[in-house]
Amino acid sequence: MSVQNNAATQVVSVKSASAVQSLLAVFFGLFIIGFVGFSHIEAVHDAAHDTRHANAFPCH
């Protein structure tokens, strides 16, 4: 029974780690789009300018 319990715990642990990673990826993506993509700070805009154009993200 403890082997099954241990396996079930590992499955839950992997699922929670995967969910946390997914949420962090979404948050990071929204931050990039929201802050860097629409920033009026010239240094931030210039730092990401070429990458945005290479990925067809409008910034002007």
C-alpha atoms as a PDB file:
ATOM      1  CA  MET A   1       0.000   0.000   0.000  1.00  0.00           C
ATOM      2  CA  SER A   2       2.840   2.441   0.722  1.00  0.00           C
ATOM      3  CA  VAL A   3       4.252   1.958  -2.795  1.00  0.00           C
ATOM      4  CA  GLN A   4       0.894   2.993  -4.282  1.00  0.00           C
ATOM      5  CA  ASN A   5       0.671   5.883  -1.848  1.00  0.00           C
ATOM      6  CA  ASN A   6       4.167   7.021  -2.782  1.00  0.00           C
ATOM      7  CA  ALA A   7       3.363   6.780  -6.497  1.00  0.00           C
ATOM      8  CA  ALA A   8       0.152   8.776  -6.015  1.00  0.00           C
ATOM      9  CA  THR A   9       2.063  11.445  -4.108  1.00  0.00           C
ATOM     10  CA  GLN A  10       4.618  11.686  -6.898  1.00  0.00           C
ATOM     11  CA  VAL A  11       1.860  12.071  -9.521  1.00  0.00           C
ATOM     12  CA  VAL A  12       0.233  14.889  -7.530  1.00  0.00           C
ATOM     13  CA  SER A  13       3.633  16.518  -7.029  1.00  0.00           C
ATOM     14  CA  VAL A  14       4.399  16.397 -10.769  1.00  0.00           C
ATOM     15  CA  LYS A  15       0.961  17.801 -11.631  1.00  0.00           C
ATOM     16  CA  SER A  16       1.348  20.671  -9.146  1.00  0.00           C
ATOM     17  CA  ALA A  17       4.836  21.469 -10.411  1.00  0.00           C
ATOM     18  CA  SER A  18       3.511  21.475 -13.957  1.00  0.00           C
ATOM     19  CA  ALA A  19       0.636  23.775 -12.998  1.00  0.00           C
ATOM     20  CA  VAL A  20       2.992  26.188 -11.246  1.00  0.00           C
ATOM     21  CA  GLN A  21       5.309  26.249 -14.252  1.00  0.00           C
ATOM     22  CA  SER A  22       2.372  26.901 -16.576  1.00  0.00           C
ATOM     23  CA  LEU A  23       1.071  29.757 -14.427  1.00  0.00           C
ATOM     24  CA  LEU A  24       4.523  31.319 -14.220  1.00  0.00           C
ATOM     25  CA  ALA A  25       4.904  31.075 -18.006  1.00  0.00           C
ATOM     26  CA  VAL A  26       1.532  32.780 -18.518  1.00  0.00           C
ATOM     27  CA  PHE A  27       2.384  35.503 -15.987  1.00  0.00           C
ATOM     28  CA  PHE A  28       5.801  36.076 -17.579  1.00  0.00           C
ATOM     29  CA  GLY A  29       4.254  36.220 -21.053  1.00  0.00           C
ATOM     30  CA  LEU A  30       1.628  38.727 -19.965  1.00  0.00           C
ATOM     31  CA  PHE A  31       4.314  40.817 -18.297  1.00  0.00           C
ATOM     32  CA  ILE A  32       6.396  40.809 -21.475  1.00  0.00           C
ATOM     33  CA  ILE A  33       3.436  41.805 -23.645  1.00  0.00           C
ATOM     34  CA  GLY A  34       1.968  44.267 -21.166  1.00  0.00           C
ATOM     35  CA  PHE A  35       5.116  45.995 -19.950  1.00  0.00           C
ATOM     36  CA  VAL A  36       7.710  45.618 -22.658  1.00  0.00           C
ATOM     37  CA  GLY A  37       5.299  45.526 -25.582  1.00  0.00           C
ATOM     38  CA  PHE A  38       3.462  48.703 -24.702  1.00  0.00           C
ATOM     39  CA  SER A  39       6.120  50.555 -22.714  1.00  0.00           C
ATOM     40  CA  HIS A  40       6.693  54.215 -23.426  1.00  0.00           C
ATOM     41  CA  ILE A  41      10.088  54.056 -21.702  1.00  0.00           C
ATOM     42  CA  GLU A  42      12.561  54.461 -24.537  1.00  0.00           C
ATOM     43  CA  ALA A  43      15.268  52.210 -23.034  1.00  0.00           C
ATOM     44  CA  VAL A  44      12.805  49.334 -22.551  1.00  0.00           C
ATOM     45  CA  HIS A  45      11.349  49.857 -26.008  1.00  0.00           C
ATOM     46  CA  ASP A  46      14.782  49.916 -27.673  1.00  0.00           C
ATOM     47  CA  ALA A  47      15.953  46.824 -25.771  1.00  0.00           C
ATOM     48  CA  ALA A  48      13.128  44.713 -27.211  1.00  0.00           C
ATOM     49  CA  HIS A  49      12.585  46.527 -30.502  1.00  0.00           C
ATOM     50  CA  ASP A  50      14.328  44.172 -32.941  1.00  0.00           C
ATOM     51  CA  THR A  51      12.907  41.051 -31.295  1.00  0.00           C
ATOM     52  CA  ARG A  52       9.367  42.397 -31.471  1.00  0.00           C
ATOM     53  CA  HIS A  53       9.696  43.237 -35.149  1.00  0.00           C
ATOM     54  CA  ALA A  54      11.275  39.850 -35.875  1.00  0.00           C
ATOM     55  CA  ASN A  55       8.208  38.199 -34.303  1.00  0.00           C
ATOM     56  CA  ALA A  56       5.747  40.524 -36.131  1.00  0.00           C
ATOM     57  CA  PHE A  57       4.666  42.241 -32.903  1.00  0.00           C
ATOM     58  CA  PRO A  58       3.613  45.818 -33.707  1.00  0.00           C
ATOM     59  CA  CYS A  59       5.157  48.455 -31.499  1.00  0.00           C
ATOM     60  CA  HIS A  60       4.543  51.696 -33.379  1.00  0.00           C
END
